[in-house]
Amino acid sequence: MEENKRMVLKRKNYLFIIIGCIVVLLGFILMSGGGSDNPNDWDGEALFSFRRITLAPFLVIAGYMVVLFGILKKE
């Protein structure tokens, strides 16, 4: 009981932080790839797809917002 009073962040805060980190990591994983083994081969469809240009950055920003919410949330 005494140990609980010294904790700055509660269990729920850490849960939000962990979920936010997972969402950020997922966004960076979705952003990766699209390269080619041949430098003379250009595939604009793979490089500039919806997943890499829109979805992945949205997930990264949303994940950072969840982490910030987890840090700032008070009981």
C-alpha atoms as a PDB file:
ATOM      1  CA  MET A   1       0.000   0.000   0.000  1.00  0.00           C
ATOM      2  CA  GLU A   2       2.798   2.425   0.892  1.00  0.00           C
ATOM      3  CA  GLU A   3       4.610   1.532  -2.326  1.00  0.00           C
ATOM      4  CA  ASN A   4       1.536   2.493  -4.384  1.00  0.00           C
ATOM      5  CA  LYS A   5       1.585   6.058  -3.031  1.00  0.00           C
ATOM      6  CA  ARG A   6       5.110   6.660  -4.355  1.00  0.00           C
ATOM      7  CA  MET A   7       4.294   5.638  -7.924  1.00  0.00           C
ATOM      8  CA  VAL A   8       3.875   8.608 -10.215  1.00  0.00           C
ATOM      9  CA  LEU A   9       2.111   6.685 -12.977  1.00  0.00           C
ATOM     10  CA  LYS A  10      -0.546   4.073 -12.377  1.00  0.00           C
ATOM     11  CA  ARG A  11      -0.991   0.726 -14.095  1.00  0.00           C
ATOM     12  CA  LYS A  12      -3.503   2.189 -16.574  1.00  0.00           C
ATOM     13  CA  ASN A  13      -0.982   4.861 -17.601  1.00  0.00           C
ATOM     14  CA  TYR A  14       1.643   2.229 -18.380  1.00  0.00           C
ATOM     15  CA  LEU A  15      -0.931   0.287 -20.380  1.00  0.00           C
ATOM     16  CA  PHE A  16      -1.649   3.358 -22.554  1.00  0.00           C
ATOM     17  CA  ILE A  17       2.091   3.940 -23.024  1.00  0.00           C
ATOM     18  CA  ILE A  18       2.705   0.335 -24.075  1.00  0.00           C
ATOM     19  CA  ILE A  19      -0.261   0.330 -26.481  1.00  0.00           C
ATOM     20  CA  GLY A  20       0.932   3.627 -27.974  1.00  0.00           C
ATOM     21  CA  CYS A  21       4.444   2.235 -28.490  1.00  0.00           C
ATOM     22  CA  ILE A  22       3.016  -0.824 -30.231  1.00  0.00           C
ATOM     23  CA  VAL A  23       0.937   1.402 -32.550  1.00  0.00           C
ATOM     24  CA  VAL A  24       4.020   3.531 -33.361  1.00  0.00           C
ATOM     25  CA  LEU A  25       6.053   0.405 -34.086  1.00  0.00           C
ATOM     26  CA  LEU A  26       3.275  -0.940 -36.324  1.00  0.00           C
ATOM     27  CA  GLY A  27       3.246   2.367 -38.235  1.00  0.00           C
ATOM     28  CA  PHE A  28       6.993   2.199 -38.847  1.00  0.00           C
ATOM     29  CA  ILE A  29       6.733  -1.437 -39.951  1.00  0.00           C
ATOM     30  CA  LEU A  30       3.981  -0.499 -42.439  1.00  0.00           C
ATOM     31  CA  MET A  31       6.160   2.353 -43.728  1.00  0.00           C
ATOM     32  CA  SER A  32       9.133   0.088 -44.494  1.00  0.00           C
ATOM     33  CA  GLY A  33       9.821  -1.795 -47.703  1.00  0.00           C
ATOM     34  CA  GLY A  34       9.093  -0.845 -51.271  1.00  0.00           C
ATOM     35  CA  GLY A  35      12.709  -1.116 -52.336  1.00  0.00           C
ATOM     36  CA  SER A  36      14.033  -2.982 -55.327  1.00  0.00           C
ATOM     37  CA  ASP A  37      17.098  -5.145 -55.833  1.00  0.00           C
ATOM     38  CA  ASN A  38      17.756  -3.485 -59.179  1.00  0.00           C
ATOM     39  CA  PRO A  39      18.523   0.259 -58.849  1.00  0.00           C
ATOM     40  CA  ASN A  40      17.356   0.820 -62.444  1.00  0.00           C
ATOM     41  CA  ASP A  41      13.897  -0.608 -61.689  1.00  0.00           C
ATOM     42  CA  TRP A  42      11.375   2.037 -60.526  1.00  0.00           C
ATOM     43  CA  ASP A  43       8.031   0.999 -59.056  1.00  0.00           C
ATOM     44  CA  GLY A  44       6.112   4.098 -58.032  1.00  0.00           C
ATOM     45  CA  GLU A  45       2.973   2.107 -57.156  1.00  0.00           C
ATOM     46  CA  ALA A  46       4.774   0.167 -54.415  1.00  0.00           C
ATOM     47  CA  LEU A  47       6.699   3.160 -53.110  1.00  0.00           C
ATOM     48  CA  PHE A  48       3.832   5.666 -53.028  1.00  0.00           C
ATOM     49  CA  SER A  49       1.016   3.368 -51.947  1.00  0.00           C
ATOM     50  CA  PHE A  50      -1.816   4.332 -49.587  1.00  0.00           C
ATOM     51  CA  ARG A  51      -0.257   2.181 -46.889  1.00  0.00           C
ATOM     52  CA  ARG A  52       3.094   4.017 -46.891  1.00  0.00           C
ATOM     53  CA  ILE A  53       1.915   7.563 -47.599  1.00  0.00           C
ATOM     54  CA  THR A  54      -1.308   7.809 -45.564  1.00  0.00           C
ATOM     55  CA  LEU A  55      -1.952   4.912 -43.213  1.00  0.00           C
ATOM     56  CA  ALA A  56       1.506   4.452 -41.688  1.00  0.00           C
ATOM     57  CA  PRO A  57       2.127   8.142 -40.792  1.00  0.00           C
ATOM     58  CA  PHE A  58      -1.391   8.340 -39.338  1.00  0.00           C
ATOM     59  CA  LEU A  59      -0.648   5.332 -37.109  1.00  0.00           C
ATOM     60  CA  VAL A  60       2.666   6.838 -35.983  1.00  0.00           C
ATOM     61  CA  ILE A  61       1.063  10.158 -35.031  1.00  0.00           C
ATOM     62  CA  ALA A  62      -1.880   8.410 -33.338  1.00  0.00           C
ATOM     63  CA  GLY A  63       0.538   6.199 -31.400  1.00  0.00           C
ATOM     64  CA  TYR A  64       2.510   9.200 -30.174  1.00  0.00           C
ATOM     65  CA  MET A  65      -0.747  10.835 -29.081  1.00  0.00           C
ATOM     66  CA  VAL A  66      -1.718   7.707 -27.111  1.00  0.00           C
ATOM     67  CA  VAL A  67       1.715   7.692 -25.428  1.00  0.00           C
ATOM     68  CA  LEU A  68       1.350  11.379 -24.534  1.00  0.00           C
ATOM     69  CA  PHE A  69      -2.142  10.722 -23.178  1.00  0.00           C
ATOM     70  CA  GLY A  70      -0.766   7.870 -21.079  1.00  0.00           C
ATOM     71  CA  ILE A  71       1.904  10.137 -19.610  1.00  0.00           C
ATOM     72  CA  LEU A  72      -0.422  13.074 -18.865  1.00  0.00           C
ATOM     73  CA  LYS A  73      -3.500  11.155 -17.658  1.00  0.00           C
ATOM     74  CA  LYS A  74      -4.276  11.649 -13.985  1.00  0.00           C
ATOM     75  CA  GLU A  75      -6.607   9.625 -11.837  1.00  0.00           C
END
